[in-house]
Each structure stands twice: as C-alpha cells, then as structure tokens.
Amino acid sequence: MTDSSAARPLTVPRSTWLALSVLLLGVAMALLDTTIVNVALPTIRTSLDASEATLSWIVSGYALAYGLALIPSGRLGDRFGHSRMFIIGLTGFTLASLWCGLAGGPTELIVARIVQGASGGVFFPAVTALIQLMFPALVRGKAFAVMGATIGFSTALGPIVGGLLIEAFGVEEGWRSIFFVNLPFGVIAVIAAVRLLPRIVEGRGSTGVDGLGLLLLSASLVALLVPLIQGEDAGWPLWTWASIVGSLVLLALFALWEVAVVRRGRSPLVPPHLFTHGQFTGGVLLAMVYFAAFTSIFFTISIMWQSGLGHSALSSGLVSVPFAAGSIIGAPLSDRLARKLGRTVLAIGAGLVATGLVAVWVLLVTVPGQDLTHLVLAGPLLLAGMGSGIFIAPNTQFIVATVERSEAGAASGVVGVAQRIGSAAGIAVIGAVLFGALDFPPGRPTPDVVAEVFTTAASHAMAVSAGLAILAFALVFALPKRITH
C-alpha cells in the first residue's frame, strides 16, 4: 500500500469486504434460527405432541447454549485465531441443523437445538472480533452498521421464511425444513470462510480456558432458566424458588473465582477488569435487557396468531414484515447518527422500540382478537423495527471499542452472552406469562372465545416486553455520551 493510500483510512481492500460478507452469512444463519422456529412452534407441538414447557425449551435452550459458548470461544479465538473458531463453529452449526430436522421426538429436538445453539456460540464471537481487527476505526462503524442490519433483518425475517416453508411442505414436514434450509448456506459459508478469512491472532500469549469458571457460570444460568421455564407448569413449588436463589449464589461464586484466577496469573473466563469500564458494564446490562424485550415479541405474536386466532404459519410470519422493513430503514442510518449524535442515537433507537411495543400492547388490550389484522399491527412494528435497526450496531460498537484489541474476542463474548441470556430469560419469562394467563371457561370454547383468551394472554406477555424495552431506554443513559476511538 502506498503512502497516499495509507493516508486514506476509508479505503478498505475488496478482500476485506468479501470476508465481511462471509461473516455476515454466518450471522444471518445464527440469528435467523433464533426466530424462525417461533412460527413453527404450533406445528411442532402438533407433530411431536410437545408440551408448553417443551416449546419454551426449544427456543430458550438454543439461546442459553449459544450464550454459554460465547465467552470461552472468544478467549480461544484470541489465542488460536478467530477465523479458525468461525470455521469450526459454523461446521458444527450446519451439522446440528441437519440433526434438528431429523429429530424424532421433543427431547431429541431440544438436545439438537442445544448443540446447534452451542455451535452458533462458538463462531459468533469471531464475527465481532474480526470486524474490530480487520477494519480501521473510521470504517469500522459502517461494518458494524451492516452487521446490525443483518442482525435485525435476519431476526425479523425468520418468521417469514418459516411460514413460507411450512406453507410449502405442510405441517408434518414443514417444521423440519426450517432446519434443513441451513444446509446449503452452511456449506457455502464454510468453504468461503476457508478461502477468504484472514488469519489474525492477537493474543497468542493467553492461557487456556477457565474450565471451573465456565462450569460455575453454566450452572448458575441453568439453575435460573429451569424454574423460569418449568415453574408455571409445575405450579411454582418450593424447588423453583430454591433454584433461583441457588443461581444467584453460584453467580457470586463465579465472580469470586474469576478474581482469584486473575490473582494467580491465569486467564479468566470473563476478565474482571473489563467491568472497570463504566461504558462496558453499562452496555452489557443494556444488551441483556434489550434482547429480553426484543426477541420475545415474536414468540408472543406467533403463538397468538396461529393457536389463538387460527391463522396459517405464513400469515403469522407476514406479521413481522413491517419490523423487518423498519430494521432495513434504520440500520443504514445508525453509523452516521452515532458519529453525529453519540449516545443519543441509542436513546432514539431504544425509545422507538419502547414506543412501538407499548403501542402493540395498547392494541392488544383495546382491539378484539377477531379484529386484529396485519395492518392494525403494522405501524407499531415498523416503528419498533426502525428503532432496533438504529440501536443494535452502535450499541455493539460502543461496548467492544472500550477494550484492548487483544481482548476483542473476550469482550465480544461477554456482550454476546449478555444478549443470549437476555433472550433466553426473556423467552422463559414471557412464555410463563403467556401460557399462565390462558384461562379458558368450562366446556368446549368457540373460536371467538379462544381468540379472546389468547389475545388477553398475549397482552399480558407484551406488557412485560414493553416494560423491558422501557427499562432498556433508561439504561442507555448509564453510558458515556461519546466514544473517542
């Protein structure tokens, strides 16, 4: 590169943008699978005779395994190379997708989804870390904006793709096809990754993975998630509350252990000093709460639309089109707005999401279920989608840019696990609220009664999602007004 080109930091080699496209294909697959399954839940329940708790596990189990794999994978990427971790994880994700499609029962599907989620968690930290390492500072925001658009669009597109596949292949085989669709894209992405991704290793001096730390963190999260998912079905017996208390104790032990690991001169699972940065800590909390609100709305709407209102899977998927459109509109604006407005862009994004979800809740409360249409919900979901597109990329950039380049993978893992914990906990809580609020009168209910009961239950669940979005908006102001690098 000549001196004159070096003076133009906005000039990025074509090969770097091609490498980004490979990374984003992996992002699209992982995020698509967080929501594509939502529209298939009613058909999975019918086909496999699955319980309500099983439906929550299919979604939350994926998110939890995804989150638990993120931090150690980020550390391994720092040590051995993020490109290598991306290829390994994406290969596992593709094979696990095949297993999900072939599952013969609810338990096998849950296990396959957990493996699929864990594989996604292996390759996802490499995406953010490689963007941080491949792109100069002045261009990095654009790369993160494209990533944000991919996240928002893929998450919202999932129900549409799922609806189309179920419509095309029927109830019995349609839900299997939502997993099989990953196979060709996975093969293409793995081959392209081998050829195009750079071999960047920033932290060869780091030591191995903190096994006990991972065990303590995993046990804490499982102890929290199990009662959240099973508690409603079981009637909230004593063991559910004991498990929640136990999860907090295990989390405290995990924090103490991580400090002890650092004092011994070893590499912790979560470097405690990352949390000495107020921006990083605030961003992690914000990411957790925001994703709890963000991903749970599709779970609620999909079940209400099909099981309650009697619409098809395709019709259920089409409800999310305005949200996807809003994400496409908002994401390209995020980088320019972030450079101009700083933290204010996050407030605008989170505020639009909160406003949109509150409006959806109002509609569910005031409009009879039989009168709900795509058009009725389109405006609020478009608004929320625009906010999500504006919010996601700058939030990630604000957080990861606060740490050293050699710890980009670890920071990405912490942020990612916060997002996935938020998603898993959000689905668990929303599922408990939604199914717990289903109160049918004695006898065989008419379609109108079913619609009314499901709409009422969905309004309760949406109220929780809206409340979380409002909390996320408040947490934005814990972040610094601007980042300087």
Protein backbone atom coordinates (compact mmCIF):
# COMPACT_ATOMS: atom_id res chain seq x y z
CA MET A 1 0.00 0.00 0.00
CA THR A 2 1.37 3.43 -0.92
CA ASP A 3 1.73 6.30 1.49
CA SER A 4 -1.09 8.17 -0.22
CA SER A 5 -3.45 5.24 0.19
CA ALA A 6 -2.36 4.81 3.78
CA ALA A 7 -3.45 8.39 4.36
CA ARG A 8 -6.97 7.46 3.30
CA PRO A 9 -8.30 5.27 6.13
CA LEU A 10 -11.68 4.93 4.41
CA THR A 11 -10.08 2.80 1.63
CA VAL A 12 -10.58 -0.87 2.53
CA PRO A 13 -9.42 -3.74 0.27
CA ARG A 14 -12.11 -5.59 -1.63
CA SER A 15 -10.97 -8.83 0.01
CA THR A 16 -11.87 -7.40 3.42
CA TRP A 17 -15.42 -6.63 2.33
CA LEU A 18 -15.71 -10.15 0.85
CA ALA A 19 -14.54 -11.57 4.17
CA LEU A 20 -17.20 -9.47 5.90
CA SER A 21 -19.87 -10.94 3.62
CA VAL A 22 -18.85 -14.45 4.73
CA LEU A 23 -19.04 -13.44 8.39
CA LEU A 24 -22.46 -11.90 7.86
CA LEU A 25 -23.75 -15.07 6.20
CA GLY A 26 -22.92 -16.88 9.44
CA VAL A 27 -24.60 -14.10 11.44
CA ALA A 28 -27.72 -14.39 9.29
CA MET A 29 -27.91 -18.16 9.83
CA ALA A 30 -27.48 -17.89 13.60
CA LEU A 31 -29.94 -15.04 14.08
CA LEU A 32 -32.48 -16.48 11.65
CA ASP A 33 -32.60 -19.60 13.80
CA THR A 34 -33.41 -17.58 16.91
CA THR A 35 -36.81 -16.64 15.46
CA ILE A 36 -37.54 -18.94 12.51
CA VAL A 37 -38.55 -21.64 14.96
CA ASN A 38 -41.17 -19.38 16.60
CA VAL A 39 -43.57 -19.64 13.68
CA ALA A 40 -43.14 -23.44 13.69
CA LEU A 41 -43.89 -23.96 17.39
CA PRO A 42 -47.62 -24.72 16.94
CA THR A 43 -46.84 -27.29 14.22
CA ILE A 44 -44.02 -28.81 16.28
CA ARG A 45 -46.45 -29.13 19.19
CA THR A 46 -48.95 -30.95 16.99
CA SER A 47 -46.43 -33.11 15.13
CA LEU A 48 -44.39 -34.21 18.17
CA ASP A 49 -47.11 -33.87 20.86
CA ALA A 50 -44.88 -31.37 22.68
CA SER A 51 -45.78 -29.64 25.95
CA GLU A 52 -45.82 -25.89 26.56
CA ALA A 53 -42.57 -26.14 28.55
CA THR A 54 -41.00 -28.03 25.65
CA LEU A 55 -41.84 -25.16 23.30
CA SER A 56 -40.06 -22.73 25.61
CA TRP A 57 -37.05 -25.05 25.87
CA ILE A 58 -36.77 -25.31 22.09
CA VAL A 59 -36.27 -21.53 21.96
CA SER A 60 -34.56 -20.84 25.29
CA GLY A 61 -32.30 -23.91 25.19
CA TYR A 62 -30.84 -22.68 21.92
CA ALA A 63 -30.28 -19.18 23.32
CA LEU A 64 -28.76 -20.43 26.58
CA ALA A 65 -26.31 -22.84 24.91
CA TYR A 66 -25.44 -20.11 22.45
CA GLY A 67 -24.64 -17.73 25.28
CA LEU A 68 -22.63 -20.22 27.33
CA ALA A 69 -20.36 -20.99 24.38
CA LEU A 70 -19.64 -17.36 23.54
CA ILE A 71 -17.12 -16.39 26.22
CA PRO A 72 -14.79 -19.43 26.06
CA SER A 73 -14.97 -19.28 22.27
CA GLY A 74 -13.93 -15.65 22.33
CA ARG A 75 -10.95 -16.50 24.54
CA LEU A 76 -9.96 -19.42 22.30
CA GLY A 77 -10.26 -17.12 19.31
CA ASP A 78 -7.90 -14.63 20.94
CA ARG A 79 -5.40 -17.44 21.44
CA PHE A 80 -5.72 -19.60 18.31
CA GLY A 81 -7.32 -17.30 15.76
CA HIS A 82 -10.89 -16.10 15.27
CA SER A 83 -11.06 -17.38 11.70
CA ARG A 84 -10.40 -20.91 12.91
CA MET A 85 -13.13 -20.67 15.54
CA PHE A 86 -15.57 -19.31 12.94
CA ILE A 87 -14.98 -22.28 10.64
CA ILE A 88 -15.23 -24.87 13.45
CA GLY A 89 -18.41 -23.38 14.88
CA LEU A 90 -20.16 -22.91 11.56
CA THR A 91 -19.41 -26.51 10.59
CA GLY A 92 -20.94 -27.73 13.85
CA PHE A 93 -23.94 -25.44 13.39
CA THR A 94 -24.63 -26.85 9.92
CA LEU A 95 -24.43 -30.46 11.12
CA ALA A 96 -26.63 -29.70 14.15
CA SER A 97 -29.22 -28.15 11.81
CA LEU A 98 -29.39 -31.49 9.99
CA TRP A 99 -29.90 -33.25 13.33
CA CYS A 100 -32.73 -30.86 14.30
CA GLY A 101 -34.53 -31.61 11.04
CA LEU A 102 -34.22 -35.36 11.60
CA ALA A 103 -35.28 -35.31 15.30
CA GLY A 104 -37.83 -37.97 16.14
CA GLY A 105 -39.24 -36.55 19.38
CA PRO A 106 -39.39 -33.47 21.64
CA THR A 107 -36.41 -34.45 23.80
CA GLU A 108 -34.18 -35.17 20.82
CA LEU A 109 -35.17 -31.86 19.23
CA ILE A 110 -34.32 -29.96 22.42
CA VAL A 111 -30.89 -31.65 22.60
CA ALA A 112 -30.22 -30.97 18.92
CA ARG A 113 -31.22 -27.34 19.38
CA ILE A 114 -28.84 -27.05 22.35
CA VAL A 115 -26.00 -28.41 20.20
CA GLN A 116 -26.99 -26.04 17.40
CA GLY A 117 -27.01 -23.08 19.80
CA ALA A 118 -23.64 -24.03 21.29
CA SER A 119 -22.14 -24.24 17.79
CA GLY A 120 -23.53 -20.80 16.99
CA GLY A 121 -21.90 -19.53 20.16
CA VAL A 122 -18.57 -20.94 19.02
CA PHE A 123 -18.45 -18.93 15.79
CA PHE A 124 -20.32 -15.73 16.67
CA PRO A 125 -17.60 -14.01 18.81
CA ALA A 126 -15.25 -14.31 15.85
CA VAL A 127 -17.55 -12.11 13.79
CA THR A 128 -17.39 -9.05 16.03
CA ALA A 129 -13.72 -9.62 16.83
CA LEU A 130 -12.71 -9.93 13.17
CA ILE A 131 -14.64 -6.78 12.26
CA GLN A 132 -12.80 -4.99 15.05
CA LEU A 133 -9.45 -6.30 13.80
CA MET A 134 -9.95 -6.09 10.01
CA PHE A 135 -11.38 -2.59 9.69
CA PRO A 136 -9.72 0.75 10.56
CA ALA A 137 -11.53 2.87 13.12
CA LEU A 138 -13.16 5.27 10.66
CA VAL A 139 -14.66 2.43 8.61
CA ARG A 140 -15.47 0.09 11.47
CA GLY A 141 -18.75 1.87 12.20
CA LYS A 142 -20.00 1.14 8.69
CA ALA A 143 -19.08 -2.53 9.06
CA PHE A 144 -20.91 -2.72 12.38
CA ALA A 145 -23.89 -0.94 10.82
CA VAL A 146 -24.09 -3.62 8.13
CA MET A 147 -23.83 -6.24 10.86
CA GLY A 148 -26.63 -4.52 12.78
CA ALA A 149 -28.80 -4.53 9.68
CA THR A 150 -28.08 -8.23 9.24
CA ILE A 151 -28.99 -8.99 12.85
CA GLY A 152 -32.22 -7.01 12.78
CA PHE A 153 -33.29 -8.18 9.34
CA SER A 154 -32.43 -11.86 9.92
CA THR A 155 -34.22 -11.91 13.27
CA ALA A 156 -37.36 -10.38 11.78
CA LEU A 157 -37.12 -12.40 8.55
CA GLY A 158 -37.10 -15.72 10.42
CA PRO A 159 -40.89 -15.98 10.91
CA ILE A 160 -41.50 -15.12 7.25
CA VAL A 161 -39.12 -17.80 5.97
CA GLY A 162 -40.56 -20.30 8.45
CA GLY A 163 -44.11 -19.51 7.36
CA LEU A 164 -43.26 -19.95 3.68
CA LEU A 165 -41.56 -23.30 4.30
CA ILE A 166 -44.41 -24.67 6.43
CA GLU A 167 -46.92 -23.47 3.84
CA ALA A 168 -44.93 -25.23 1.09
CA PHE A 169 -44.18 -28.53 2.86
CA GLY A 170 -47.13 -28.92 5.24
CA VAL A 171 -47.45 -29.38 8.98
CA GLU A 172 -45.51 -32.64 9.34
CA GLU A 173 -42.50 -31.82 7.15
CA GLY A 174 -42.64 -28.02 7.13
CA TRP A 175 -41.10 -27.53 10.56
CA ARG A 176 -38.23 -29.86 9.61
CA SER A 177 -37.50 -27.80 6.50
CA ILE A 178 -36.78 -24.71 8.61
CA PHE A 179 -33.65 -26.53 9.81
CA PHE A 180 -32.74 -28.18 6.52
CA VAL A 181 -32.64 -24.76 4.84
CA ASN A 182 -29.39 -24.05 6.71
CA LEU A 183 -27.51 -26.88 4.98
CA PRO A 184 -26.65 -25.33 1.58
CA PHE A 185 -25.86 -21.94 3.09
CA GLY A 186 -23.70 -23.54 5.76
CA VAL A 187 -21.66 -25.50 3.24
CA ILE A 188 -21.14 -22.40 1.08
CA ALA A 189 -20.16 -20.28 4.08
CA VAL A 190 -17.63 -22.81 5.41
CA ILE A 191 -15.91 -23.17 2.03
CA ALA A 192 -15.82 -19.40 1.54
CA ALA A 193 -14.51 -18.85 5.08
CA VAL A 194 -11.57 -21.21 4.49
CA ARG A 195 -10.63 -19.23 1.37
CA LEU A 196 -11.36 -15.64 2.40
CA LEU A 197 -11.00 -15.06 6.14
CA PRO A 198 -7.68 -13.58 7.33
CA ARG A 199 -5.51 -15.49 9.77
CA ILE A 200 -5.39 -12.90 12.55
CA VAL A 201 -4.23 -13.96 16.03
CA GLU A 202 -3.94 -11.12 18.56
CA GLY A 203 -3.45 -12.92 21.85
CA ARG A 204 -1.10 -15.90 21.50
CA GLY A 205 0.24 -15.28 24.96
CA SER A 206 -3.06 -16.00 26.71
CA THR A 207 -3.52 -19.20 28.67
CA GLY A 208 -6.22 -21.84 28.34
CA VAL A 209 -9.93 -21.72 29.01
CA ASP A 210 -11.13 -21.34 32.59
CA GLY A 211 -13.00 -24.64 32.97
CA LEU A 212 -14.26 -24.16 36.52
CA GLY A 213 -15.41 -20.64 35.71
CA LEU A 214 -17.38 -21.96 32.75
CA LEU A 215 -18.92 -24.67 34.96
CA LEU A 216 -19.98 -22.17 37.63
CA LEU A 217 -21.46 -19.77 35.09
CA SER A 218 -23.26 -22.57 33.27
CA ALA A 219 -24.70 -23.98 36.50
CA SER A 220 -25.87 -20.52 37.55
CA LEU A 221 -27.69 -19.86 34.29
CA VAL A 222 -29.25 -23.32 34.13
CA ALA A 223 -30.40 -23.01 37.74
CA LEU A 224 -32.11 -19.74 36.79
CA LEU A 225 -33.63 -20.86 33.49
CA VAL A 226 -35.08 -24.22 34.59
CA PRO A 227 -37.54 -22.76 37.13
CA LEU A 228 -38.44 -19.90 34.79
CA ILE A 229 -39.47 -22.41 32.12
CA GLN A 230 -40.87 -25.24 34.25
CA GLY A 231 -42.28 -23.18 37.12
CA GLU A 232 -45.62 -22.32 35.52
CA ASP A 233 -46.31 -25.94 34.53
CA ALA A 234 -45.28 -27.20 37.97
CA GLY A 235 -47.27 -24.58 39.92
CA TRP A 236 -44.16 -22.85 41.29
CA PRO A 237 -43.26 -25.34 44.03
CA LEU A 238 -40.51 -24.70 46.59
CA TRP A 239 -37.74 -26.17 44.42
CA THR A 240 -38.26 -23.47 41.77
CA TRP A 241 -37.60 -20.67 44.24
CA ALA A 242 -34.67 -22.57 45.77
CA SER A 243 -33.19 -22.96 42.31
CA ILE A 244 -33.44 -19.23 41.62
CA VAL A 245 -31.71 -18.43 44.93
CA GLY A 246 -29.10 -21.07 44.14
CA SER A 247 -28.42 -19.45 40.78
CA LEU A 248 -27.57 -16.17 42.50
CA VAL A 249 -25.21 -17.95 44.91
CA LEU A 250 -23.46 -19.70 42.02
CA LEU A 251 -23.14 -16.40 40.16
CA ALA A 252 -21.48 -14.82 43.21
CA LEU A 253 -19.08 -17.79 43.45
CA PHE A 254 -18.29 -17.37 39.77
CA ALA A 255 -17.37 -13.71 40.29
CA LEU A 256 -15.13 -14.56 43.25
CA TRP A 257 -13.46 -17.35 41.29
CA GLU A 258 -12.69 -15.08 38.34
CA VAL A 259 -10.93 -12.61 40.66
CA ALA A 260 -8.94 -15.50 42.15
CA VAL A 261 -7.93 -16.72 38.68
CA VAL A 262 -6.51 -13.29 37.82
CA ARG A 263 -4.55 -13.16 41.08
CA ARG A 264 -2.94 -16.47 40.15
CA GLY A 265 -1.78 -15.00 36.86
CA ARG A 266 -4.08 -17.17 34.73
CA SER A 267 -6.63 -16.26 32.07
CA PRO A 268 -10.18 -15.93 33.44
CA LEU A 269 -13.32 -16.80 31.51
CA VAL A 270 -14.54 -13.22 31.99
CA PRO A 271 -11.68 -10.76 32.68
CA PRO A 272 -12.91 -8.83 35.75
CA HIS A 273 -11.10 -5.68 34.71
CA LEU A 274 -13.42 -5.36 31.70
CA PHE A 275 -16.08 -4.27 34.16
CA THR A 276 -13.95 -1.42 35.46
CA HIS A 277 -15.01 0.41 32.30
CA GLY A 278 -18.35 2.08 33.02
CA GLN A 279 -19.23 2.11 29.34
CA PHE A 280 -18.60 -1.63 29.03
CA THR A 281 -20.58 -2.52 32.16
CA GLY A 282 -23.49 -0.29 31.22
CA GLY A 283 -23.51 -1.71 27.71
CA VAL A 284 -23.60 -5.30 28.97
CA LEU A 285 -26.62 -4.59 31.19
CA LEU A 286 -28.32 -2.69 28.41
CA ALA A 287 -27.70 -5.51 25.92
CA MET A 288 -29.20 -8.07 28.29
CA VAL A 289 -32.39 -6.14 28.97
CA TYR A 290 -32.84 -5.02 25.38
CA PHE A 291 -32.59 -8.54 23.95
CA ALA A 292 -35.04 -9.82 26.56
CA ALA A 293 -37.57 -7.34 25.18
CA PHE A 294 -36.59 -7.59 21.54
CA THR A 295 -36.65 -11.35 20.86
CA SER A 296 -39.69 -12.20 22.99
CA ILE A 297 -42.21 -10.27 20.87
CA PHE A 298 -42.00 -12.77 18.00
CA PHE A 299 -42.64 -15.66 20.39
CA THR A 300 -45.80 -13.99 21.68
CA ILE A 301 -47.18 -12.87 18.33
CA SER A 302 -46.53 -16.18 16.55
CA ILE A 303 -48.35 -18.28 19.15
CA MET A 304 -51.26 -15.84 19.45
CA TRP A 305 -51.63 -15.50 15.68
CA GLN A 306 -51.75 -19.24 14.97
CA SER A 307 -53.00 -21.01 18.09
CA GLY A 308 -55.32 -18.20 19.18
CA LEU A 309 -56.56 -16.53 16.03
CA GLY A 310 -56.39 -19.59 13.79
CA HIS A 311 -54.21 -18.08 11.05
CA SER A 312 -51.66 -20.01 8.98
CA ALA A 313 -47.94 -20.12 9.67
CA LEU A 314 -47.35 -17.95 6.60
CA SER A 315 -49.83 -15.36 7.83
CA SER A 316 -48.06 -15.42 11.19
CA GLY A 317 -44.71 -14.87 9.50
CA LEU A 318 -46.01 -11.94 7.48
CA VAL A 319 -46.88 -10.08 10.68
CA SER A 320 -43.15 -9.45 11.15
CA VAL A 321 -42.66 -7.87 7.69
CA PRO A 322 -43.07 -4.27 8.99
CA PHE A 323 -40.48 -4.92 11.70
CA ALA A 324 -38.04 -6.26 9.09
CA ALA A 325 -38.72 -3.27 6.86
CA GLY A 326 -38.11 -0.92 9.76
CA SER A 327 -34.80 -2.63 10.53
CA ILE A 328 -33.69 -2.18 6.91
CA ILE A 329 -34.58 1.51 7.10
CA GLY A 330 -32.96 2.13 10.48
CA ALA A 331 -29.71 0.17 10.28
CA PRO A 332 -28.04 2.14 7.45
CA LEU A 333 -28.67 5.34 9.40
CA SER A 334 -27.05 4.07 12.60
CA ASP A 335 -23.38 4.76 11.79
CA ARG A 336 -23.92 8.34 10.61
CA LEU A 337 -26.23 9.09 13.53
CA ALA A 338 -23.80 7.54 16.02
CA ARG A 339 -20.91 9.71 14.79
CA LYS A 340 -23.08 12.82 14.85
CA LEU A 341 -25.15 12.24 17.97
CA GLY A 342 -23.10 9.85 20.11
CA ARG A 343 -25.13 8.16 22.83
CA THR A 344 -28.27 9.95 21.70
CA VAL A 345 -28.59 7.51 18.80
CA LEU A 346 -29.02 4.68 21.32
CA ALA A 347 -31.69 6.68 23.15
CA ILE A 348 -33.52 7.28 19.87
CA GLY A 349 -33.34 3.58 18.90
CA ALA A 350 -34.40 2.23 22.30
CA GLY A 351 -37.09 4.90 22.57
CA LEU A 352 -38.63 3.90 19.24
CA VAL A 353 -38.62 0.24 20.25
CA ALA A 354 -40.26 1.02 23.58
CA THR A 355 -42.87 3.24 21.91
CA GLY A 356 -43.65 0.58 19.30
CA LEU A 357 -44.07 -2.20 21.86
CA VAL A 358 -46.24 -0.05 24.12
CA ALA A 359 -48.43 0.69 21.09
CA VAL A 360 -48.69 -3.05 20.29
CA TRP A 361 -49.73 -3.67 23.91
CA VAL A 362 -52.40 -0.96 23.69
CA LEU A 363 -53.80 -2.53 20.52
CA LEU A 364 -53.93 -5.98 22.11
CA VAL A 365 -55.83 -4.53 25.06
CA THR A 366 -58.29 -2.42 23.08
CA VAL A 367 -58.88 -4.31 19.81
CA PRO A 368 -60.85 -7.59 19.94
CA GLY A 369 -58.80 -10.58 18.82
CA GLN A 370 -61.07 -11.29 15.85
CA ASP A 371 -60.42 -7.76 14.54
CA LEU A 372 -56.62 -7.90 14.69
CA THR A 373 -55.06 -7.77 11.23
CA HIS A 374 -51.61 -7.29 9.74
CA LEU A 375 -52.49 -3.68 9.02
CA VAL A 376 -53.52 -2.96 12.61
CA LEU A 377 -50.11 -4.01 13.95
CA ALA A 378 -48.03 -2.72 11.01
CA GLY A 379 -47.42 0.83 12.28
CA PRO A 380 -46.13 -0.02 15.76
CA LEU A 381 -43.98 -2.90 14.47
CA LEU A 382 -42.49 -0.67 11.74
CA LEU A 383 -41.60 1.89 14.41
CA ALA A 384 -40.05 -0.76 16.67
CA GLY A 385 -38.11 -2.22 13.74
CA MET A 386 -36.65 1.18 12.85
CA GLY A 387 -35.58 1.63 16.45
CA SER A 388 -33.99 -1.81 16.55
CA GLY A 389 -32.07 -1.15 13.33
CA ILE A 390 -30.78 2.16 14.69
CA PHE A 391 -29.87 0.69 18.10
CA ILE A 392 -28.08 -2.63 17.63
CA ALA A 393 -24.93 -1.73 15.68
CA PRO A 394 -23.93 1.39 17.68
CA ASN A 395 -24.54 -0.44 20.94
CA THR A 396 -22.12 -3.20 19.94
CA GLN A 397 -19.55 -0.66 18.77
CA PHE A 398 -19.82 1.37 21.99
CA ILE A 399 -19.05 -1.70 24.07
CA VAL A 400 -16.33 -3.54 22.12
CA ALA A 401 -14.35 -0.38 21.33
CA THR A 402 -13.69 0.19 25.05
CA VAL A 403 -11.28 -2.75 25.42
CA GLU A 404 -7.83 -3.60 24.05
CA ARG A 405 -7.65 -5.14 20.58
CA SER A 406 -6.15 -8.34 22.03
CA GLU A 407 -9.32 -8.78 24.14
CA ALA A 408 -11.82 -8.06 21.40
CA GLY A 409 -12.91 -11.70 21.39
CA ALA A 410 -13.40 -11.83 25.16
CA ALA A 411 -15.37 -8.59 25.15
CA SER A 412 -17.47 -9.81 22.24
CA GLY A 413 -18.15 -13.00 24.16
CA VAL A 414 -19.32 -11.11 27.25
CA VAL A 415 -21.61 -8.87 25.22
CA GLY A 416 -22.93 -11.81 23.23
CA VAL A 417 -23.62 -13.94 26.29
CA ALA A 418 -25.48 -11.00 27.86
CA GLN A 419 -27.64 -10.79 24.74
CA ARG A 420 -28.32 -14.53 24.70
CA ILE A 421 -29.01 -14.67 28.44
CA GLY A 422 -31.45 -11.84 27.89
CA SER A 423 -33.06 -13.73 25.01
CA ALA A 424 -33.30 -16.99 26.96
CA ALA A 425 -34.62 -15.37 30.13
CA GLY A 426 -36.96 -13.16 28.14
CA ILE A 427 -38.50 -16.13 26.32
CA ALA A 428 -38.75 -18.09 29.58
CA VAL A 429 -40.49 -15.26 31.43
CA ILE A 430 -42.72 -14.30 28.50
CA GLY A 431 -43.63 -17.96 27.95
CA ALA A 432 -44.57 -18.34 31.60
CA VAL A 433 -46.70 -15.18 31.48
CA LEU A 434 -48.34 -16.08 28.16
CA PHE A 435 -49.23 -19.69 28.98
CA GLY A 436 -50.04 -18.85 32.60
CA ALA A 437 -52.61 -16.27 31.50
CA LEU A 438 -54.54 -18.71 29.29
CA ASP A 439 -57.78 -19.07 31.22
CA PHE A 440 -60.44 -20.92 29.22
CA PRO A 441 -64.04 -21.20 30.52
CA PRO A 442 -65.52 -24.68 31.13
CA GLY A 443 -66.70 -26.64 28.14
CA ARG A 444 -65.62 -26.50 24.51
CA PRO A 445 -64.70 -22.88 23.73
CA THR A 446 -65.85 -21.30 20.48
CA PRO A 447 -63.26 -19.78 18.08
CA ASP A 448 -64.23 -16.32 19.30
CA VAL A 449 -63.60 -17.31 22.90
CA VAL A 450 -60.25 -18.90 22.00
CA ALA A 451 -59.26 -15.72 20.16
CA GLU A 452 -60.24 -13.56 23.14
CA VAL A 453 -58.39 -15.72 25.67
CA PHE A 454 -55.19 -15.81 23.60
CA THR A 455 -55.33 -12.09 22.87
CA THR A 456 -55.71 -11.31 26.57
CA ALA A 457 -52.79 -13.60 27.43
CA ALA A 458 -50.70 -12.03 24.66
CA SER A 459 -51.45 -8.55 26.03
CA HIS A 460 -50.02 -9.61 29.41
CA ALA A 461 -46.90 -11.00 27.75
CA MET A 462 -46.49 -7.89 25.57
CA ALA A 463 -46.80 -5.69 28.65
CA VAL A 464 -43.71 -7.42 30.06
CA SER A 465 -41.83 -6.98 26.77
CA ALA A 466 -42.78 -3.30 26.66
CA GLY A 467 -41.69 -2.83 30.27
CA LEU A 468 -38.29 -4.34 29.47
CA ALA A 469 -37.95 -2.02 26.47
CA ILE A 470 -38.68 0.99 28.69
CA LEU A 471 -36.02 -0.22 31.13
CA ALA A 472 -33.55 -0.58 28.25
CA PHE A 473 -34.26 3.02 27.26
CA ALA A 474 -33.46 4.16 30.81
CA LEU A 475 -30.23 2.14 30.87
CA VAL A 476 -28.95 3.94 27.76
CA PHE A 477 -28.18 6.94 29.93
CA ALA A 478 -25.72 4.92 32.01
CA LEU A 479 -23.37 5.01 29.01
CA PRO A 480 -20.91 7.82 28.20
CA LYS A 481 -22.15 10.43 25.79
CA ARG A 482 -19.47 9.60 23.20
CA ILE A 483 -16.66 7.17 22.44
CA THR A 484 -13.31 8.54 21.37
CA HIS A 485 -11.85 5.56 19.50
